[in-house]
């Protein structure tokens, strides 16, 4: 379970989300929906412990996130960014690095850890690109590799920051299928998203975020219509 209590957070003491209260149950898939600059990334980074809130607290299984060591937190929650840095590291090695907190420093990766890497790669069909450097992948392939990294990390909670942005329709559909797969594996998933017409396909619940505040929290099938910045949102992609 992930819970945010009275969270205000941002950068250089400027708040981008304000007094946010949010609870995500184990195994639930929740989408944070909103336009550019509304605070979606700030919300996810704060929930993952990558941003320290200006005020308020984040809890995992009712324990404050500040009580976990970095290694413990690594096994609890993973954040998958929207933008991925170019790297010459091959896909296989990148996924192996995601097991580093669990392995003995200076020793080869164990068969058990390598099996986790192999099984995850098989699930996401990454083995054909194992030897390819990250910088040579398509944007869609990079998204899959970073999601695989979160899975290899062993985290129960996975936060996806706009995983389908700038992808074509077929690739977006595949990303939605991956989110459903994560849920079927028992993962708790929170996804920042813009496309209003597709959230019900992979979400149990939808939170609408506008100007740093939650203005709606409802089951995806009952998601209300709402206009961001006085622009109609029905059948559109939020920009």
Protein backbone atom coordinates (compact mmCIF):
# COMPACT_ATOMS: atom_id res chain seq x y z
CA UNK A 1 0.00 0.00 0.00
CA UNK A 2 1.22 3.50 -0.90
CA UNK A 3 -0.17 6.55 0.85
CA UNK A 4 0.56 10.26 0.45
CA UNK A 5 -0.63 12.47 3.29
CA UNK A 6 -0.93 16.25 2.93
CA UNK A 7 1.92 16.34 0.42
CA UNK A 8 3.21 19.60 -1.01
CA UNK A 9 6.32 19.20 -3.14
CA UNK A 10 8.37 20.84 -5.85
CA UNK A 11 11.76 22.33 -6.60
CA UNK A 12 13.77 25.11 -4.95
CA UNK A 13 10.99 25.49 -2.38
CA UNK A 14 8.46 26.22 -5.13
CA UNK A 15 5.49 23.91 -4.75
CA UNK A 16 4.13 22.13 -7.85
CA UNK A 17 1.67 19.92 -5.97
CA UNK A 18 -0.28 21.16 -2.97
CA UNK A 19 -1.90 19.33 -0.05
CA UNK A 20 -2.23 16.04 -1.97
CA UNK A 21 -3.83 13.11 -0.17
CA UNK A 22 -3.74 9.82 -2.08
CA UNK A 23 -3.97 6.13 -1.22
CA UNK A 24 -3.08 3.29 -3.57
CA UNK A 25 -4.02 -0.23 -2.48
CA UNK A 26 -1.90 -3.32 -3.12
CA UNK A 27 -2.43 -4.67 -6.62
CA UNK A 28 -4.30 -1.58 -7.79
CA UNK A 29 -3.65 0.23 -11.08
CA UNK A 30 -4.15 3.98 -10.74
CA UNK A 31 -3.74 6.64 -13.42
CA UNK A 32 -2.85 10.25 -12.66
CA UNK A 33 -4.38 12.23 -15.49
CA UNK A 34 -3.56 15.84 -16.29
CA UNK A 35 -2.09 18.33 -18.69
CA UNK A 36 1.54 19.35 -19.08
CA UNK A 37 2.89 21.14 -16.01
CA UNK A 38 0.07 20.09 -13.69
CA UNK A 39 2.44 18.26 -11.31
CA UNK A 40 2.20 14.62 -12.43
CA UNK A 41 5.98 14.00 -12.50
CA UNK A 42 6.45 15.84 -9.21
CA UNK A 43 3.80 13.63 -7.63
CA UNK A 44 5.39 10.40 -8.84
CA UNK A 45 8.95 11.42 -7.93
CA UNK A 46 7.84 12.44 -4.44
CA UNK A 47 5.97 9.16 -3.98
CA UNK A 48 9.12 7.26 -5.02
CA UNK A 49 11.32 9.11 -2.53
CA UNK A 50 13.28 10.90 -5.24
CA UNK A 51 11.96 14.30 -4.15
CA UNK A 52 11.71 15.24 -0.49
CA UNK A 53 8.35 16.95 0.12
CA UNK A 54 8.12 20.52 1.34
CA UNK A 55 5.53 19.25 3.78
CA UNK A 56 3.57 16.06 4.34
CA UNK A 57 4.57 12.40 4.43
CA UNK A 58 4.74 9.35 2.17
CA UNK A 59 3.98 5.90 3.60
CA UNK A 60 4.55 2.39 2.25
CA UNK A 61 2.58 -0.28 4.12
CA UNK A 62 1.90 2.36 6.81
CA UNK A 63 5.63 2.93 7.45
CA UNK A 64 7.06 6.38 6.64
CA UNK A 65 9.22 6.21 3.53
CA UNK A 66 11.98 7.99 5.46
CA UNK A 67 12.41 4.92 7.69
CA UNK A 68 13.58 2.73 4.82
CA UNK A 69 17.22 2.46 3.80
CA UNK A 70 17.97 3.08 0.12
CA UNK A 71 18.35 -0.68 -0.39
CA UNK A 72 15.04 -1.39 1.35
CA UNK A 73 13.29 1.30 -0.65
CA UNK A 74 14.79 -0.14 -3.85
CA UNK A 75 12.84 -3.34 -3.20
CA UNK A 76 9.64 -1.50 -2.38
CA UNK A 77 9.13 1.08 -5.12
CA UNK A 78 10.52 1.91 -8.57
CA UNK A 79 10.16 5.05 -10.67
CA UNK A 80 10.33 4.78 -14.47
CA UNK A 81 11.07 8.22 -15.99
CA UNK A 82 9.56 9.60 -19.16
CA UNK A 83 12.92 10.65 -20.63
CA UNK A 84 15.77 8.15 -20.75
CA UNK A 85 19.44 9.08 -20.99
CA UNK A 86 21.43 7.78 -23.95
CA UNK A 87 23.88 5.08 -22.98
CA UNK A 88 26.34 2.69 -24.61
CA UNK A 89 25.43 0.02 -22.03
CA UNK A 90 23.84 -3.05 -23.69
CA UNK A 91 20.33 -4.01 -22.63
CA UNK A 92 21.47 -7.20 -20.86
CA UNK A 93 24.03 -5.36 -18.72
CA UNK A 94 21.57 -2.58 -17.92
CA UNK A 95 19.11 -5.12 -16.56
CA UNK A 96 21.84 -6.90 -14.59
CA UNK A 97 22.77 -3.57 -12.98
CA UNK A 98 19.20 -3.37 -11.71
CA UNK A 99 19.99 -6.33 -9.41
CA UNK A 100 23.10 -4.71 -7.90
CA UNK A 101 21.56 -3.97 -4.46
CA UNK A 102 20.89 -7.70 -4.06
CA UNK A 103 24.27 -9.05 -5.14
CA UNK A 104 27.64 -9.17 -3.41
CA UNK A 105 29.91 -6.36 -4.57
CA UNK A 106 32.76 -7.59 -6.75
CA UNK A 107 31.27 -11.05 -7.29
CA UNK A 108 29.60 -12.41 -10.44
CA UNK A 109 25.82 -12.26 -10.55
CA UNK A 110 24.25 -15.42 -9.14
CA UNK A 111 22.25 -17.90 -11.19
CA UNK A 112 19.11 -16.90 -9.27
CA UNK A 113 19.58 -13.19 -10.05
CA UNK A 114 20.40 -13.93 -13.67
CA UNK A 115 17.25 -16.05 -13.91
CA UNK A 116 15.19 -13.02 -12.87
CA UNK A 117 16.82 -10.98 -15.63
CA UNK A 118 16.21 -13.71 -18.20
CA UNK A 119 12.59 -14.29 -17.18
CA UNK A 120 11.79 -10.58 -17.28
CA UNK A 121 13.43 -10.18 -20.68
CA UNK A 122 11.40 -13.13 -21.94
CA UNK A 123 8.15 -11.57 -20.71
CA UNK A 124 8.84 -8.33 -22.57
CA UNK A 125 10.49 -9.94 -25.60
CA UNK A 126 13.81 -8.20 -24.98
CA UNK A 127 16.19 -11.09 -25.62
CA UNK A 128 16.58 -10.28 -29.33
CA UNK A 129 18.03 -6.88 -28.34
CA UNK A 130 20.14 -8.03 -25.36
CA UNK A 131 23.40 -6.96 -27.03
CA UNK A 132 22.10 -3.63 -28.36
CA UNK A 133 23.25 -0.44 -26.56
CA UNK A 134 20.41 1.61 -25.09
CA UNK A 135 21.22 4.59 -27.27
CA UNK A 136 20.56 2.52 -30.41
CA UNK A 137 17.07 1.45 -29.38
CA UNK A 138 13.82 2.94 -30.61
CA UNK A 139 11.89 5.07 -28.12
CA UNK A 140 9.38 2.25 -27.64
CA UNK A 141 12.15 -0.28 -26.95
CA UNK A 142 13.72 2.07 -24.40
CA UNK A 143 10.38 2.30 -22.57
CA UNK A 144 10.18 -1.50 -22.40
CA UNK A 145 13.76 -1.82 -21.14
CA UNK A 146 13.19 0.70 -18.36
CA UNK A 147 9.97 -1.02 -17.32
CA UNK A 148 11.89 -4.31 -17.32
CA UNK A 149 14.52 -2.68 -15.11
CA UNK A 150 11.83 -1.81 -12.56
CA UNK A 151 10.60 -5.41 -12.65
CA UNK A 152 14.13 -6.81 -12.27
CA UNK A 153 14.60 -4.43 -9.36
CA UNK A 154 11.98 -6.48 -7.55
CA UNK A 155 9.82 -3.55 -6.50
CA UNK A 156 6.22 -4.19 -5.47
CA UNK A 157 5.15 -0.68 -6.50
CA UNK A 158 5.98 0.65 -9.98
CA UNK A 159 5.47 4.29 -10.95
CA UNK A 160 5.39 5.00 -14.69
CA UNK A 161 5.84 8.59 -15.83
CA UNK A 162 4.00 8.99 -19.15
CA UNK A 163 5.26 5.67 -20.56
CA UNK A 164 3.43 6.11 -23.88
CA UNK A 165 4.18 9.73 -24.69
CA UNK A 166 5.36 10.33 -28.28
CA UNK A 167 4.63 6.70 -29.25
CA UNK A 168 2.36 5.71 -32.11
CA UNK A 169 -1.03 4.09 -31.63
CA UNK A 170 0.19 0.49 -31.87
CA UNK A 171 3.07 1.10 -29.45
CA UNK A 172 0.75 2.87 -27.02
CA UNK A 173 -1.59 -0.11 -27.06
CA UNK A 174 1.36 -2.43 -26.31
CA UNK A 175 2.37 -0.25 -23.35
CA UNK A 176 -1.18 -0.52 -22.01
CA UNK A 177 -0.89 -4.30 -22.35
CA UNK A 178 2.36 -4.21 -20.35
CA UNK A 179 0.63 -2.24 -17.57
CA UNK A 180 -2.10 -4.89 -17.46
CA UNK A 181 0.60 -7.57 -17.28
CA UNK A 182 2.24 -5.80 -14.32
CA UNK A 183 -1.10 -5.81 -12.54
CA UNK A 184 -1.58 -9.52 -13.31
CA UNK A 185 1.82 -10.15 -11.69
CA UNK A 186 0.54 -8.56 -8.48
CA UNK A 187 2.33 -5.24 -8.93
CA UNK A 188 0.83 -2.01 -7.67
CA UNK A 189 1.01 0.51 -10.52
CA UNK A 190 0.64 4.29 -10.68
CA UNK A 191 0.84 5.79 -14.16
CA UNK A 192 1.02 9.43 -15.27
CA UNK A 193 -0.96 9.68 -18.50
CA UNK A 194 -2.45 12.23 -20.91
CA UNK A 195 -4.72 10.32 -23.27
CA UNK A 196 -8.24 10.52 -21.85
CA UNK A 197 -9.76 7.97 -24.18
CA UNK A 198 -7.57 5.04 -23.15
CA UNK A 199 -7.18 5.18 -19.36
CA UNK A 200 -10.14 2.88 -18.67
CA UNK A 201 -8.39 0.12 -20.64
CA UNK A 202 -5.70 -0.41 -17.97
CA UNK A 203 -6.76 1.54 -14.86
CA UNK A 204 -8.89 0.64 -11.88
CA UNK A 205 -8.98 4.24 -10.75
CA UNK A 206 -8.30 7.68 -12.21
CA UNK A 207 -7.08 10.74 -10.35
CA UNK A 208 -7.39 14.05 -12.19
CA UNK A 209 -4.65 16.50 -11.28
CA UNK A 210 -4.95 20.17 -12.21
CA UNK A 211 -2.70 23.03 -11.10
CA UNK A 212 -1.06 20.82 -8.49
CA UNK A 213 -4.28 19.68 -6.81
CA UNK A 214 -6.40 16.56 -7.03
CA UNK A 215 -9.80 17.62 -8.30
CA UNK A 216 -11.28 14.15 -8.87
CA UNK A 217 -10.64 10.59 -7.69
CA UNK A 218 -12.97 7.94 -9.09
CA UNK A 219 -13.15 4.45 -10.62
CA UNK A 220 -12.07 4.65 -14.25
CA UNK A 221 -15.50 3.60 -15.50
CA UNK A 222 -17.03 6.61 -13.74
CA UNK A 223 -14.34 9.14 -14.65
CA UNK A 224 -15.95 12.58 -14.93
CA UNK A 225 -15.41 14.94 -17.84
CA UNK A 226 -13.24 17.91 -16.98
CA UNK A 227 -11.69 20.81 -18.86
CA UNK A 228 -8.07 21.77 -18.25
CA UNK A 229 -7.37 25.46 -18.76
CA UNK A 230 -10.90 25.86 -20.16
CA UNK A 231 -10.15 23.50 -23.06
CA UNK A 232 -12.45 20.54 -23.81
CA UNK A 233 -10.89 17.22 -22.79
CA UNK A 234 -13.30 14.71 -24.33
CA UNK A 235 -11.71 12.71 -27.16
CA UNK A 236 -8.47 14.67 -26.97
CA UNK A 237 -4.88 14.17 -25.91
CA UNK A 238 -3.79 16.55 -23.17
CA UNK A 239 -0.76 18.64 -24.16
